[in-house]
C-alpha atoms as a PDB file:
ATOM      1  CA  MET A   1      -0.213  -0.174  -0.038  1.00  0.00           C
ATOM      2  CA  VAL A   2       1.541   3.607  -0.924  1.00  0.00           C
ATOM      3  CA  TYR A   3       0.130   6.405   0.575  1.00  0.00           C
ATOM      4  CA  LYS A   4       1.785  10.084  -0.512  1.00  0.00           C
ATOM      5  CA  LEU A   5      -0.445  13.174   1.205  1.00  0.00           C
ATOM      6  CA  TRP A   6       0.527  16.905   0.864  1.00  0.00           C
ATOM      7  CA  GLY A   7      -1.948  18.838   3.644  1.00  0.00           C
ATOM      8  CA  ILE A   8      -4.977  17.090   2.541  1.00  0.00           C
ATOM      9  CA  LYS A   9      -8.346  16.311   3.358  1.00  0.00           C
ATOM     10  CA  LEU A  10      -8.464  12.258   3.835  1.00  0.00           C
ATOM     11  CA  GLU A  11     -12.042  10.429   4.741  1.00  0.00           C
ATOM     12  CA  PHE A  12     -12.405   6.810   5.850  1.00  0.00           C
ATOM     13  CA  GLY A  13     -15.480   5.428   6.157  1.00  0.00           C
ATOM     14  CA  THR A  14     -16.334   2.345   8.436  1.00  0.00           C
ATOM     15  CA  LYS A  15     -14.957  -0.751   6.892  1.00  0.00           C
ATOM     16  CA  VAL A  16     -13.399  -0.043   3.733  1.00  0.00           C
ATOM     17  CA  THR A  17     -10.750  -3.008   2.837  1.00  0.00           C
ATOM     18  CA  TYR A  18      -8.715  -3.427   0.077  1.00  0.00           C
ATOM     19  CA  ARG A  19      -6.129  -5.746  -1.191  1.00  0.00           C
ATOM     20  CA  LYS A  20      -2.551  -5.818  -2.607  1.00  0.00           C
ATOM     21  CA  GLY A  21      -1.208  -2.533  -4.389  1.00  0.00           C
ATOM     22  CA  PHE A  22      -3.376  -0.264  -3.306  1.00  0.00           C
ATOM     23  CA  SER A  23      -2.465   3.213  -3.991  1.00  0.00           C
ATOM     24  CA  LEU A  24      -3.914   6.732  -2.716  1.00  0.00           C
ATOM     25  CA  ILE A  25      -1.698   9.972  -3.945  1.00  0.00           C
ATOM     26  CA  ILE A  26      -3.164  13.195  -2.725  1.00  0.00           C
ATOM     27  CA  GLY A  27      -1.703  16.516  -3.725  1.00  0.00           C
ATOM     28  CA  ASN A  28      -1.597  19.751  -3.426  1.00  0.00           C
ATOM     29  CA  LYS A  29      -5.295  20.479  -1.708  1.00  0.00           C
ATOM     30  CA  GLY A  30      -6.476  17.821  -2.991  1.00  0.00           C
ATOM     31  CA  GLU A  31      -9.305  15.760  -1.169  1.00  0.00           C
ATOM     32  CA  VAL A  32     -10.484  11.989  -0.894  1.00  0.00           C
ATOM     33  CA  LYS A  33     -13.963  10.680   0.438  1.00  0.00           C
ATOM     34  CA  ILE A  34     -14.684   7.157   0.587  1.00  0.00           C
ATOM     35  CA  GLY A  35     -18.098   6.086   2.127  1.00  0.00           C
ATOM     36  CA  ASP A  36     -18.749   3.020   4.690  1.00  0.00           C
ATOM     37  CA  LYS A  37     -18.611  -0.480   3.174  1.00  0.00           C
ATOM     38  CA  VAL A  38     -16.448   0.315   0.119  1.00  0.00           C
ATOM     39  CA  PHE A  39     -14.051  -2.596  -1.126  1.00  0.00           C
ATOM     40  CA  PHE A  40     -10.813  -1.582  -3.461  1.00  0.00           C
ATOM     41  CA  ASN A  41      -9.462  -5.315  -5.140  1.00  0.00           C
ATOM     42  CA  ASN A  42      -5.711  -5.388  -6.396  1.00  0.00           C
ATOM     43  CA  TYR A  43      -3.729  -2.597  -7.551  1.00  0.00           C
ATOM     44  CA  CYS A  44      -5.965   0.274  -7.693  1.00  0.00           C
ATOM     45  CA  SER A  45      -4.944   3.569  -7.581  1.00  0.00           C
ATOM     46  CA  LEU A  46      -6.617   6.496  -6.284  1.00  0.00           C
ATOM     47  CA  ASN A  47      -5.177   9.957  -7.453  1.00  0.00           C
ATOM     48  CA  ALA A  48      -6.204  13.125  -6.165  1.00  0.00           C
ATOM     49  CA  LEU A  49      -4.936  17.134  -6.751  1.00  0.00           C
ATOM     50  CA  GLU A  50      -8.890  18.376  -6.456  1.00  0.00           C
ATOM     51  CA  SER A  51     -11.436  16.019  -4.993  1.00  0.00           C
ATOM     52  CA  ILE A  52     -12.176  12.401  -5.536  1.00  0.00           C
ATOM     53  CA  THR A  53     -15.604  11.648  -3.812  1.00  0.00           C
ATOM     54  CA  ILE A  54     -16.749   7.532  -3.283  1.00  0.00           C
ATOM     55  CA  GLY A  55     -20.294   6.297  -2.334  1.00  0.00           C
ATOM     56  CA  LYS A  56     -21.025   3.836   0.687  1.00  0.00           C
ATOM     57  CA  GLY A  57     -21.008   0.006  -0.396  1.00  0.00           C
ATOM     58  CA  THR A  58     -18.832   0.760  -3.655  1.00  0.00           C
ATOM     59  CA  ILE A  59     -16.927  -2.138  -5.157  1.00  0.00           C
ATOM     60  CA  PHE A  60     -13.799  -1.715  -7.499  1.00  0.00           C
ATOM     61  CA  GLY A  61     -12.014  -4.584  -8.823  1.00  0.00           C
ATOM     62  CA  GLU A  62      -8.534  -5.256  -9.629  1.00  0.00           C
ATOM     63  CA  ASN A  63      -6.159  -2.903 -11.267  1.00  0.00           C
ATOM     64  CA  VAL A  64      -8.804   0.172 -11.555  1.00  0.00           C
ATOM     65  CA  LYS A  65      -7.359   3.695 -11.985  1.00  0.00           C
ATOM     66  CA  VAL A  66      -8.837   7.073 -10.939  1.00  0.00           C
ATOM     67  CA  TYR A  67      -7.417  10.605 -11.878  1.00  0.00           C
ATOM     68  CA  ASP A  68      -8.995  13.241 -10.988  1.00  0.00           C
ATOM     69  CA  HIS A  69      -6.448  15.605 -12.989  1.00  0.00           C
ATOM     70  CA  ASN A  70      -4.576  15.451 -16.720  1.00  0.00           C
ATOM     71  CA  HIS A  71      -1.251  17.418 -17.692  1.00  0.00           C
ATOM     72  CA  CYS A  72      -1.153  20.154 -19.502  1.00  0.00           C
ATOM     73  CA  TYR A  73       0.335  19.762 -22.582  1.00  0.00           C
ATOM     74  CA  LYS A  74      -0.515  23.022 -25.127  1.00  0.00           C
ATOM     75  CA  ASP A  75       2.581  24.927 -24.818  1.00  0.00           C
ATOM     76  CA  LYS A  76       5.364  23.680 -27.518  1.00  0.00           C
ATOM     77  CA  THR A  77       7.713  25.638 -26.027  1.00  0.00           C
ATOM     78  CA  ARG A  78       8.047  23.440 -22.433  1.00  0.00           C
ATOM     79  CA  LEU A  79       8.543  20.211 -21.555  1.00  0.00           C
ATOM     80  CA  ILE A  80       4.746  18.219 -20.903  1.00  0.00           C
ATOM     81  CA  LYS A  81       6.398  18.007 -17.322  1.00  0.00           C
ATOM     82  CA  GLU A  82       6.652  21.339 -16.558  1.00  0.00           C
ATOM     83  CA  GLN A  83       3.575  22.868 -17.444  1.00  0.00           C
ATOM     84  CA  GLY A  84       1.109  21.782 -14.725  1.00  0.00           C
ATOM     85  CA  TYR A  85      -2.304  20.225 -14.601  1.00  0.00           C
ATOM     86  CA  THR A  86      -5.952  21.007 -15.503  1.00  0.00           C
ATOM     87  CA  SER A  87      -8.153  18.948 -12.831  1.00  0.00           C
ATOM     88  CA  ALA A  88     -11.809  18.405 -11.692  1.00  0.00           C
ATOM     89  CA  PRO A  89     -13.842  17.094  -9.312  1.00  0.00           C
ATOM     90  CA  ILE A  90     -14.649  13.124  -9.622  1.00  0.00           C
ATOM     91  CA  HIS A  91     -18.230  11.814  -7.783  1.00  0.00           C
ATOM     92  CA  ILE A  92     -18.998   8.260  -7.896  1.00  0.00           C
ATOM     93  CA  GLY A  93     -22.135   6.766  -6.498  1.00  0.00           C
ATOM     94  CA  GLU A  94     -23.104   4.476  -3.747  1.00  0.00           C
ATOM     95  CA  HIS A  95     -23.340   0.750  -4.499  1.00  0.00           C
ATOM     96  CA  CYS A  96     -21.666   0.498  -7.593  1.00  0.00           C
ATOM     97  CA  TRP A  97     -19.588  -2.207  -9.271  1.00  0.00           C
ATOM     98  CA  ILE A  98     -16.881  -0.670 -11.249  1.00  0.00           C
ATOM     99  CA  GLY A  99     -14.717  -3.371 -13.355  1.00  0.00           C
ATOM    100  CA  SER A 100     -11.235  -4.918 -13.912  1.00  0.00           C
ATOM    101  CA  ASN A 101      -8.928  -2.444 -15.851  1.00  0.00           C
ATOM    102  CA  THR A 102     -11.333   0.546 -16.087  1.00  0.00           C
ATOM    103  CA  ILE A 103     -10.040   4.019 -15.760  1.00  0.00           C
ATOM    104  CA  ILE A 104     -12.011   6.885 -14.476  1.00  0.00           C
ATOM    105  CA  LEU A 105     -10.940  10.078 -15.298  1.00  0.00           C
ATOM    106  CA  LYS A 106     -11.082  13.701 -14.297  1.00  0.00           C
ATOM    107  CA  GLY A 107     -14.668  15.853 -13.869  1.00  0.00           C
ATOM    108  CA  VAL A 108     -17.018  12.197 -14.090  1.00  0.00           C
ATOM    109  CA  THR A 109     -19.900  11.869 -12.147  1.00  0.00           C
ATOM    110  CA  ILE A 110     -21.469   8.215 -12.086  1.00  0.00           C
ATOM    111  CA  GLY A 111     -24.367   7.588 -10.397  1.00  0.00           C
ATOM    112  CA  ASN A 112     -25.574   5.112  -7.595  1.00  0.00           C
ATOM    113  CA  ASN A 113     -26.355   1.407  -8.493  1.00  0.00           C
ATOM    114  CA  VAL A 114     -23.862   1.988 -11.796  1.00  0.00           C
ATOM    115  CA  VAL A 115     -21.902  -1.856 -12.947  1.00  0.00           C
ATOM    116  CA  VAL A 116     -18.749  -0.726 -14.946  1.00  0.00           C
ATOM    117  CA  GLY A 117     -17.866  -3.426 -17.138  1.00  0.00           C
ATOM    118  CA  ALA A 118     -13.649  -4.185 -17.401  1.00  0.00           C
ATOM    119  CA  ASN A 119     -11.522  -2.379 -19.367  1.00  0.00           C
ATOM    120  CA  CYS A 120     -13.838   0.779 -19.833  1.00  0.00           C
ATOM    121  CA  VAL A 121     -12.227   4.620 -20.110  1.00  0.00           C
ATOM    122  CA  ILE A 122     -14.805   6.481 -18.566  1.00  0.00           C
ATOM    123  CA  TYR A 123     -14.533  10.216 -19.492  1.00  0.00           C
ATOM    124  CA  LYS A 124     -18.404  11.357 -19.738  1.00  0.00           C
ATOM    125  CA  ASP A 125     -20.788  11.150 -16.979  1.00  0.00           C
ATOM    126  CA  VAL A 126     -22.736   8.330 -16.302  1.00  0.00           C
ATOM    127  CA  PRO A 127     -26.495   8.303 -14.631  1.00  0.00           C
ATOM    128  CA  SER A 128     -27.641   6.317 -12.139  1.00  0.00           C
ATOM    129  CA  ASP A 129     -28.568   2.589 -12.033  1.00  0.00           C
ATOM    130  CA  CYS A 130     -27.089   2.238 -15.959  1.00  0.00           C
ATOM    131  CA  ILE A 131     -24.746  -0.741 -17.162  1.00  0.00           C
ATOM    132  CA  VAL A 132     -21.226   0.434 -18.812  1.00  0.00           C
ATOM    133  CA  ILE A 133     -19.728  -1.778 -21.204  1.00  0.00           C
ATOM    134  CA  ASN A 134     -16.771  -1.668 -23.768  1.00  0.00           C
ATOM    135  CA  LYS A 135     -18.714  -2.685 -26.338  1.00  0.00           C
ATOM    136  CA  GLN A 136     -15.980  -4.529 -29.264  1.00  0.00           C
ATOM    137  CA  ASN A 137     -16.119  -7.279 -31.586  1.00  0.00           C
ATOM    138  CA  LEU A 138     -14.504 -10.629 -30.691  1.00  0.00           C
ATOM    139  CA  VAL A 139     -12.904 -12.058 -33.864  1.00  0.00           C
ATOM    140  CA  ILE A 140     -12.255 -16.085 -33.396  1.00  0.00           C
ATOM    141  CA  LYS A 141     -10.942 -17.204 -36.651  1.00  0.00           C
ATOM    142  CA  ASN A 142     -10.712 -21.298 -36.950  1.00  0.00           C
ATOM    143  CA  GLN A 143      -7.458 -21.846 -38.559  1.00  0.00           C
ATOM    144  CA  THR A 144      -6.460 -24.707 -40.383  1.00  0.00           C
ATOM    145  CA  LEU A 145      -2.898 -25.494 -40.469  1.00  0.00           C
END
């Protein structure tokens, strides 16, 4: 488990559990609020410069990444790592299931009772009581030798 905290606000509800490799990084004036009975599976990561809120009873599959910020990159005369960040709060509702290998990006609100399938990139709001899937075609060909 990794914690990196700089003058921040952190609230953990009761019975929050996390498995191997959980990472929580909060910088600047960041704030993280985690509700009661939230579960993080192996290698989940929360990265906050502004605000991440997670409602009670939400569960995370393995390797879920949550970022409330992104690098600035428009000034071609400066290195990207020197241009700072843009940020926007993330809110994840109550009783959600966030599938393995999902990435949640800045400014997103996910409603209550949402299921996010594995391998999704969530870059816009998701209303309550919805299922999100990464629609892709799986092509299986019979190969004769």
